[in-house]
Structures are given as structure tokens and as C-alpha cells.
C-alpha atoms as a PDB file:
ATOM      1  CA  MET A   1      72.028  45.115 198.303  1.00  0.00           C
ATOM      2  CA  GLU A   2      70.756  41.550 198.717  1.00  0.00           C
ATOM      3  CA  CYS A   3      71.851  41.465 202.366  1.00  0.00           C
ATOM      4  CA  GLN A   4      69.672  44.508 203.093  1.00  0.00           C
ATOM      5  CA  GLU A   5      72.492  45.992 205.195  1.00  0.00           C
ATOM      6  CA  GLU A   6      73.036  49.739 205.209  1.00  0.00           C
ATOM      7  CA  MET A   7      76.490  50.891 204.104  1.00  0.00           C
ATOM      8  CA  VAL A   8      78.013  54.263 203.312  1.00  0.00           C
ATOM      9  CA  ILE A   9      80.676  54.810 200.648  1.00  0.00           C
ATOM     10  CA  GLY A  10      82.288  58.187 199.999  1.00  0.00           C
ATOM     11  CA  MET A  11      83.548  59.428 196.652  1.00  0.00           C
ATOM     12  CA  HIS A  12      85.922  62.384 196.450  1.00  0.00           C
ATOM     13  CA  CYS A  13      86.011  64.023 193.022  1.00  0.00           C
ATOM     14  CA  PHE A  14      89.050  65.919 191.719  1.00  0.00           C
ATOM     15  CA  PRO A  15      88.067  67.936 188.606  1.00  0.00           C
ATOM     16  CA  ALA A  16      91.619  69.167 188.011  1.00  0.00           C
ATOM     17  CA  THR A  17      92.820  65.611 187.353  1.00  0.00           C
ATOM     18  CA  ALA A  18      89.486  64.106 186.235  1.00  0.00           C
ATOM     19  CA  SER A  19      89.847  61.431 188.916  1.00  0.00           C
ATOM     20  CA  VAL A  20      88.011  60.099 191.951  1.00  0.00           C
ATOM     21  CA  GLU A  21      88.960  58.496 195.235  1.00  0.00           C
ATOM     22  CA  ILE A  22      86.671  56.022 196.990  1.00  0.00           C
ATOM     23  CA  SER A  23      86.593  55.617 200.759  1.00  0.00           C
ATOM     24  CA  GLU A  24      84.711  53.058 202.848  1.00  0.00           C
ATOM     25  CA  LEU A  25      82.867  55.074 205.501  1.00  0.00           C
ATOM     26  CA  TYR A  26      80.463  52.710 207.215  1.00  0.00           C
ATOM     27  CA  ASN A  27      79.837  48.958 207.337  1.00  0.00           C
ATOM     28  CA  CYS A  28      81.906  48.109 204.271  1.00  0.00           C
ATOM     29  CA  VAL A  29      85.429  47.173 203.173  1.00  0.00           C
ATOM     30  CA  ALA A  30      87.180  47.153 199.821  1.00  0.00           C
ATOM     31  CA  GLY A  31      86.914  43.832 197.997  1.00  0.00           C
ATOM     32  CA  SER A  32      88.505  42.171 194.995  1.00  0.00           C
ATOM     33  CA  GLY A  33      85.385  40.623 193.501  1.00  0.00           C
ATOM     34  CA  GLU A  34      83.732  41.853 190.320  1.00  0.00           C
ATOM     35  CA  GLY A  35      80.635  43.991 190.712  1.00  0.00           C
ATOM     36  CA  THR A  36      77.981  45.523 188.493  1.00  0.00           C
ATOM     37  CA  VAL A  37      78.773  48.917 187.000  1.00  0.00           C
ATOM     38  CA  VAL A  38      75.972  51.455 187.498  1.00  0.00           C
ATOM     39  CA  ASN A  39      76.386  54.760 185.644  1.00  0.00           C
ATOM     40  CA  LEU A  40      74.605  57.711 187.267  1.00  0.00           C
ATOM     41  CA  SER A  41      74.606  61.397 186.399  1.00  0.00           C
ATOM     42  CA  PRO A  42      72.615  64.282 187.929  1.00  0.00           C
ATOM     43  CA  ASP A  43      72.936  66.297 184.717  1.00  0.00           C
ATOM     44  CA  PHE A  44      72.734  63.794 181.889  1.00  0.00           C
ATOM     45  CA  PRO A  45      70.444  60.833 181.122  1.00  0.00           C
ATOM     46  CA  ILE A  46      72.360  57.576 180.639  1.00  0.00           C
ATOM     47  CA  PRO A  47      71.093  55.484 177.687  1.00  0.00           C
ATOM     48  CA  GLU A  48      69.790  52.080 178.767  1.00  0.00           C
ATOM     49  CA  GLU A  49      72.474  50.228 176.821  1.00  0.00           C
ATOM     50  CA  ASP A  50      75.203  52.169 178.695  1.00  0.00           C
ATOM     51  CA  ILE A  51      73.857  51.862 182.245  1.00  0.00           C
ATOM     52  CA  HIS A  52      76.155  48.943 183.128  1.00  0.00           C
ATOM     53  CA  ARG A  53      78.987  49.601 180.668  1.00  0.00           C
ATOM     54  CA  ASP A  54      82.391  50.465 182.084  1.00  0.00           C
ATOM     55  CA  LEU A  55      84.030  53.705 180.914  1.00  0.00           C
ATOM     56  CA  ALA A  56      80.803  55.005 179.389  1.00  0.00           C
ATOM     57  CA  PHE A  57      80.709  58.762 178.754  1.00  0.00           C
ATOM     58  CA  PRO A  58      77.607  59.417 176.601  1.00  0.00           C
ATOM     59  CA  SER A  59      77.669  63.130 177.415  1.00  0.00           C
ATOM     60  CA  LEU A  60      80.906  63.550 175.413  1.00  0.00           C
ATOM     61  CA  GLU A  61      79.149  62.816 172.128  1.00  0.00           C
ATOM     62  CA  HIS A  62      76.338  65.177 173.099  1.00  0.00           C
ATOM     63  CA  THR A  63      78.904  67.896 173.869  1.00  0.00           C
ATOM     64  CA  ARG A  64      80.496  67.399 170.447  1.00  0.00           C
ATOM     65  CA  GLU A  65      77.085  67.823 168.813  1.00  0.00           C
ATOM     66  CA  LEU A  66      76.513  71.035 170.789  1.00  0.00           C
ATOM     67  CA  SER A  67      79.882  72.409 169.674  1.00  0.00           C
ATOM     68  CA  LYS A  68      79.076  71.524 166.070  1.00  0.00           C
ATOM     69  CA  ALA A  69      75.693  73.268 166.310  1.00  0.00           C
ATOM     70  CA  GLN A  70      77.342  76.361 167.802  1.00  0.00           C
ATOM     71  CA  ARG A  71      79.858  76.549 164.957  1.00  0.00           C
ATOM     72  CA  ASN A  72      77.075  76.110 162.389  1.00  0.00           C
ATOM     73  CA  SER A  73      75.206  78.984 164.066  1.00  0.00           C
ATOM     74  CA  GLY A  74      78.236  81.248 163.697  1.00  0.00           C
ATOM     75  CA  ILE A  75      79.040  81.292 167.417  1.00  0.00           C
ATOM     76  CA  GLU A  76      82.750  81.628 168.086  1.00  0.00           C
ATOM     77  CA  LEU A  77      84.156  79.017 170.448  1.00  0.00           C
ATOM     78  CA  PRO A  78      87.264  79.675 172.565  1.00  0.00           C
ATOM     79  CA  ALA A  79      90.439  78.068 171.269  1.00  0.00           C
ATOM     80  CA  PHE A  80      92.858  76.267 173.578  1.00  0.00           C
ATOM     81  CA  SER A  81      96.467  75.303 173.022  1.00  0.00           C
ATOM     82  CA  SER A  82      96.384  72.354 175.428  1.00  0.00           C
ATOM     83  CA  VAL A  83      94.137  70.190 177.575  1.00  0.00           C
ATOM     84  CA  ASN A  84      95.501  71.902 180.684  1.00  0.00           C
ATOM     85  CA  GLU A  85      94.551  75.322 179.313  1.00  0.00           C
ATOM     86  CA  TYR A  86      91.029  74.081 178.594  1.00  0.00           C
ATOM     87  CA  ARG A  87      90.778  72.516 182.072  1.00  0.00           C
ATOM     88  CA  GLU A  88      91.779  75.780 183.749  1.00  0.00           C
ATOM     89  CA  TRP A  89      89.200  77.663 181.679  1.00  0.00           C
ATOM     90  CA  ALA A  90      86.450  75.119 182.401  1.00  0.00           C
ATOM     91  CA  LEU A  91      87.059  75.186 186.154  1.00  0.00           C
ATOM     92  CA  GLN A  92      86.517  78.965 186.148  1.00  0.00           C
ATOM     93  CA  GLN A  93      83.133  78.760 184.424  1.00  0.00           C
ATOM     94  CA  LYS A  94      80.029  79.208 186.555  1.00  0.00           C
ATOM     95  CA  GLY A  95      77.091  76.852 186.203  1.00  0.00           C
ATOM     96  CA  ILE A  96      73.592  78.056 185.347  1.00  0.00           C
ATOM     97  CA  PRO A  97      72.301  77.728 188.968  1.00  0.00           C
ATOM     98  CA  GLU A  98      75.202  79.846 190.245  1.00  0.00           C
ATOM     99  CA  ILE A  99      74.632  82.468 187.542  1.00  0.00           C
ATOM    100  CA  TRP A 100      70.892  82.462 188.282  1.00  0.00           C
ATOM    101  CA  SER A 101      71.609  83.200 191.955  1.00  0.00           C
ATOM    102  CA  THR A 102      73.289  86.461 190.919  1.00  0.00           C
ATOM    103  CA  VAL A 103      70.525  87.347 188.455  1.00  0.00           C
ATOM    104  CA  LYS A 104      67.825  86.558 191.035  1.00  0.00           C
ATOM    105  CA  LYS A 105      69.316  88.914 193.642  1.00  0.00           C
ATOM    106  CA  GLY A 106      69.697  91.745 191.146  1.00  0.00           C
ATOM    107  CA  TRP A 107      66.211  91.163 189.729  1.00  0.00           C
ATOM    108  CA  SER A 108      64.556  91.142 193.171  1.00  0.00           C
ATOM    109  CA  LEU A 109      66.320  94.346 194.212  1.00  0.00           C
ATOM    110  CA  THR A 110      65.389  96.054 190.937  1.00  0.00           C
ATOM    111  CA  LEU A 111      61.711  95.223 191.482  1.00  0.00           C
ATOM    112  CA  ARG A 112      61.980  96.924 194.889  1.00  0.00           C
ATOM    113  CA  ASP A 113      63.524 100.009 193.249  1.00  0.00           C
ATOM    114  CA  ARG A 114      66.923  99.351 194.848  1.00  0.00           C
ATOM    115  CA  THR A 115      68.775  99.674 191.557  1.00  0.00           C
ATOM    116  CA  ASP A 116      71.913 100.989 193.256  1.00  0.00           C
ATOM    117  CA  ILE A 117      72.348  97.780 195.262  1.00  0.00           C
ATOM    118  CA  ALA A 118      71.077  95.662 192.361  1.00  0.00           C
ATOM    119  CA  GLU A 119      73.862  96.889 190.102  1.00  0.00           C
ATOM    120  CA  ARG A 120      76.441  95.863 192.702  1.00  0.00           C
ATOM    121  CA  PHE A 121      75.162  92.290 192.513  1.00  0.00           C
ATOM    122  CA  LEU A 122      74.725  92.336 188.736  1.00  0.00           C
ATOM    123  CA  SER A 123      78.298  93.567 188.289  1.00  0.00           C
ATOM    124  CA  GLU A 124      79.342  90.045 189.390  1.00  0.00           C
ATOM    125  CA  TYR A 125      77.344  88.486 186.552  1.00  0.00           C
ATOM    126  CA  GLY A 126      79.231  86.592 183.855  1.00  0.00           C
ATOM    127  CA  GLY A 127      82.504  86.054 185.676  1.00  0.00           C
ATOM    128  CA  GLY A 128      84.397  88.622 183.616  1.00  0.00           C
ATOM    129  CA  GLU A 129      83.091  87.415 180.232  1.00  0.00           C
ATOM    130  CA  TYR A 130      80.078  89.741 180.303  1.00  0.00           C
ATOM    131  CA  LYS A 131      81.216  93.178 179.156  1.00  0.00           C
ATOM    132  CA  ASP A 132      77.904  95.069 178.982  1.00  0.00           C
ATOM    133  CA  THR A 133      76.330  97.395 181.554  1.00  0.00           C
ATOM    134  CA  PRO A 134      75.312  95.767 184.896  1.00  0.00           C
ATOM    135  CA  GLN A 135      71.640  96.713 184.564  1.00  0.00           C
ATOM    136  CA  LEU A 136      68.821  94.186 184.724  1.00  0.00           C
ATOM    137  CA  ASN A 137      67.526  94.475 181.148  1.00  0.00           C
ATOM    138  CA  TYR A 138      71.000  93.982 179.674  1.00  0.00           C
ATOM    139  CA  VAL A 139      71.816  91.102 182.026  1.00  0.00           C
ATOM    140  CA  LEU A 140      68.488  89.345 181.348  1.00  0.00           C
ATOM    141  CA  PHE A 141      69.049  89.601 177.598  1.00  0.00           C
ATOM    142  CA  ASP A 142      72.439  87.915 177.949  1.00  0.00           C
ATOM    143  CA  PHE A 143      71.245  85.355 180.519  1.00  0.00           C
ATOM    144  CA  CYS A 144      68.299  84.195 178.404  1.00  0.00           C
ATOM    145  CA  SER A 145      70.476  83.951 175.309  1.00  0.00           C
ATOM    146  CA  ARG A 146      72.910  81.721 177.236  1.00  0.00           C
ATOM    147  CA  MET A 147      70.061  79.519 178.411  1.00  0.00           C
ATOM    148  CA  LEU A 148      68.912  78.923 174.845  1.00  0.00           C
ATOM    149  CA  LEU A 149      72.264  78.265 173.190  1.00  0.00           C
ATOM    150  CA  PRO A 150      72.821  77.161 170.523  1.00  0.00           C
ATOM    151  CA  ASN A 151      69.629  76.590 168.523  1.00  0.00           C
ATOM    152  CA  LYS A 152      67.639  79.647 169.688  1.00  0.00           C
ATOM    153  CA  TYR A 153      70.494  82.127 169.993  1.00  0.00           C
ATOM    154  CA  HIS A 154      69.520  83.614 166.634  1.00  0.00           C
ATOM    155  CA  LEU A 155      66.329  85.014 168.227  1.00  0.00           C
ATOM    156  CA  PHE A 156      68.396  87.295 170.461  1.00  0.00           C
ATOM    157  CA  GLN A 157      70.846  88.177 167.722  1.00  0.00           C
ATOM    158  CA  GLU A 158      68.013  89.114 165.354  1.00  0.00           C
ATOM    159  CA  ALA A 159      66.218  91.115 168.083  1.00  0.00           C
ATOM    160  CA  ALA A 160      69.385  93.101 168.791  1.00  0.00           C
ATOM    161  CA  GLU A 161      69.920  93.760 165.083  1.00  0.00           C
ATOM    162  CA  LEU A 162      66.278  94.881 164.689  1.00  0.00           C
ATOM    163  CA  CYS A 163      66.551  97.340 167.592  1.00  0.00           C
ATOM    164  CA  GLU A 164      69.793  98.713 166.196  1.00  0.00           C
ATOM    165  CA  ARG A 165      68.191  99.147 162.778  1.00  0.00           C
ATOM    166  CA  LEU A 166      65.078 100.854 164.201  1.00  0.00           C
ATOM    167  CA  ALA A 167      67.220 103.193 166.290  1.00  0.00           C
ATOM    168  CA  LYS A 168      68.745 104.450 163.033  1.00  0.00           C
ATOM    169  CA  THR A 169      65.669 104.478 160.780  1.00  0.00           C
ATOM    170  CA  GLN A 170      62.739 105.165 163.158  1.00  0.00           C
ATOM    171  CA  PRO A 171      64.267 106.752 166.269  1.00  0.00           C
ATOM    172  CA  GLU A 172      61.160 108.751 167.262  1.00  0.00           C
ATOM    173  CA  GLN A 173      58.752 105.816 167.002  1.00  0.00           C
ATOM    174  CA  LEU A 174      61.154 103.542 168.838  1.00  0.00           C
ATOM    175  CA  GLY A 175      61.528 106.160 171.561  1.00  0.00           C
ATOM    176  CA  ARG A 176      57.752 106.482 171.987  1.00  0.00           C
ATOM    177  CA  PHE A 177      57.354 102.714 172.186  1.00  0.00           C
ATOM    178  CA  ARG A 178      60.161 102.452 174.739  1.00  0.00           C
ATOM    179  CA  ASP A 179      58.631 105.202 176.899  1.00  0.00           C
ATOM    180  CA  TYR A 180      55.158 103.623 176.746  1.00  0.00           C
ATOM    181  CA  TYR A 181      56.511 100.207 177.674  1.00  0.00           C
ATOM    182  CA  LYS A 182      58.547 101.537 180.597  1.00  0.00           C
ATOM    183  CA  GLU A 183      55.629 103.563 181.982  1.00  0.00           C
ATOM    184  CA  ASN A 184      52.789 101.068 181.461  1.00  0.00           C
ATOM    185  CA  LEU A 185      54.043  97.512 181.026  1.00  0.00           C
ATOM    186  CA  GLN A 186      57.590  96.993 182.233  1.00  0.00           C
ATOM    187  CA  LYS A 187      56.992  96.600 185.985  1.00  0.00           C
ATOM    188  CA  GLU A 188      54.083  94.183 185.588  1.00  0.00           C
ATOM    189  CA  HIS A 189      55.952  92.087 183.030  1.00  0.00           C
ATOM    190  CA  LEU A 190      59.141  91.957 185.093  1.00  0.00           C
ATOM    191  CA  GLU A 191      57.206  90.797 188.172  1.00  0.00           C
ATOM    192  CA  ARG A 192      55.393  88.076 186.227  1.00  0.00           C
ATOM    193  CA  TYR A 193      58.555  86.883 184.484  1.00  0.00           C
ATOM    194  CA  PHE A 194      60.419  86.862 187.807  1.00  0.00           C
ATOM    195  CA  GLU A 195      57.849  84.510 189.359  1.00  0.00           C
ATOM    196  CA  THR A 196      58.043  82.255 186.296  1.00  0.00           C
ATOM    197  CA  PHE A 197      61.845  82.091 186.453  1.00  0.00           C
ATOM    198  CA  LYS A 198      61.811  81.400 190.209  1.00  0.00           C
ATOM    199  CA  GLU A 199      59.354  78.543 189.784  1.00  0.00           C
ATOM    200  CA  TYR A 200      61.426  77.031 186.984  1.00  0.00           C
ATOM    201  CA  PHE A 201      64.724  77.250 188.853  1.00  0.00           C
ATOM    202  CA  SER A 202      63.184  75.873 192.049  1.00  0.00           C
ATOM    203  CA  CYS A 203      63.230  72.476 190.324  1.00  0.00           C
ATOM    204  CA  PHE A 204      66.091  73.163 187.911  1.00  0.00           C
ATOM    205  CA  ASN A 205      68.281  70.398 189.349  1.00  0.00           C
ATOM    206  CA  ASP A 206      65.612  67.862 188.432  1.00  0.00           C
ATOM    207  CA  MET A 207      65.045  69.399 185.016  1.00  0.00           C
ATOM    208  CA  SER A 208      68.604  70.286 184.051  1.00  0.00           C
ATOM    209  CA  GLN A 209      69.178  67.072 182.140  1.00  0.00           C
ATOM    210  CA  THR A 210      66.022  67.812 180.143  1.00  0.00           C
ATOM    211  CA  LEU A 211      67.229  71.333 179.423  1.00  0.00           C
ATOM    212  CA  ARG A 212      70.537  69.994 178.117  1.00  0.00           C
ATOM    213  CA  ASN A 213      68.685  67.865 175.576  1.00  0.00           C
ATOM    214  CA  VAL A 214      66.169  70.455 174.336  1.00  0.00           C
END
């Protein structure tokens, strides 16, 4: 502000109605004069030409492109009969940081050989949409595939199909490889990957808008 005075304005967000309510908290009052629009988003970069444009929602076009890419990749999208039905579904979805919190607890406990407690945490993963077993390897497979939707999802789909094919055609070799990996490599790899994931998610809030545009 040109006057260099400190002021505090509160904004209450209501996702159910897609509306906000502004309140003057400190050293300010509502006015009738025109001001400069400043678009800010913690999750999405605002193009320079839209920074001061009223009613600018650049993320909507990006979301449409994501949906198109998902359909082209053969990923089924949920169908909704109304906007209200979609809103109710969207409000129930967990964000990546919230999902990671569950994965992190289960992963840490698994590394400490507390698989019984780990499975209790991992059973909360996915908010009812995840139907597989609540064990770390299965959860990590699903979690990583979600992180890389839509363009890299095929890597996980192809890996699953390859394992299924090998289980039918080369069961003994696959079994020997699985046993060797579990006995000699799994623990070290899981510890190293865990540290990598923790470091990434420690600054995820700053990087989330980059992730959404990868």
C-alpha cells in the first residue's frame, strides 16, 4: 500500500457454494472505490496477462486438458448427473499432501518392522476408492501412479501387465527374482526411496504448482 500502513483483511472460503466472504479485521474499512485485481493461487501459476483480470480462472482450461489427456489414455472418469453431485464428490477427495501423510506413517512403521500397526494406517489410504490390500508395496504402487497421472500412468499399467504375464509364463524365475529382491535389496531401496519422498514432500507446497504442470 502507498500509505505504508499495516492492515489485515480476512477471507472466508465456502467450497460448497464456491463463494467467499470478506471481513475487515484491522485498520481498514470497506470502500466503494475501484481497486486493482490481483489474482493469487497457491496451487496454480497465473499467466501474466491474467494477473489483474477480473473473473480469471486459468486453472479451468488446464483441468479440461487433464481430463482430455486422461480419456485419451483410456482412464475412466467418474460421471455425474449434476453439479451438486460433482461438488459432493469433490469435497470428499483427499489432496496429495493428506494422502502422503497416511503413506508416510505406514511406510515409516513398515521400515521399523511394525507391519501390524502400519496396515492399520494404510487401511485409511484412498478414502474408500482404493480396494487393494493395505500393504506398503501395493499402496506405493497406487500412490505413485496417482502422482503421475495422466501421462505416465501407462508405466504402472504396463508393469502390472508384465508381472501378471510373467506369473503365468515364468512363475519359477519370477519367484526366484522376488525372493532375491526381498532378501537382498528391498529394505535398502525402501529406506532410500523413503528419504527421497520425505525430502520432496517437505517442500511440496512450494512445488505443487510445478507438479500440476509437468
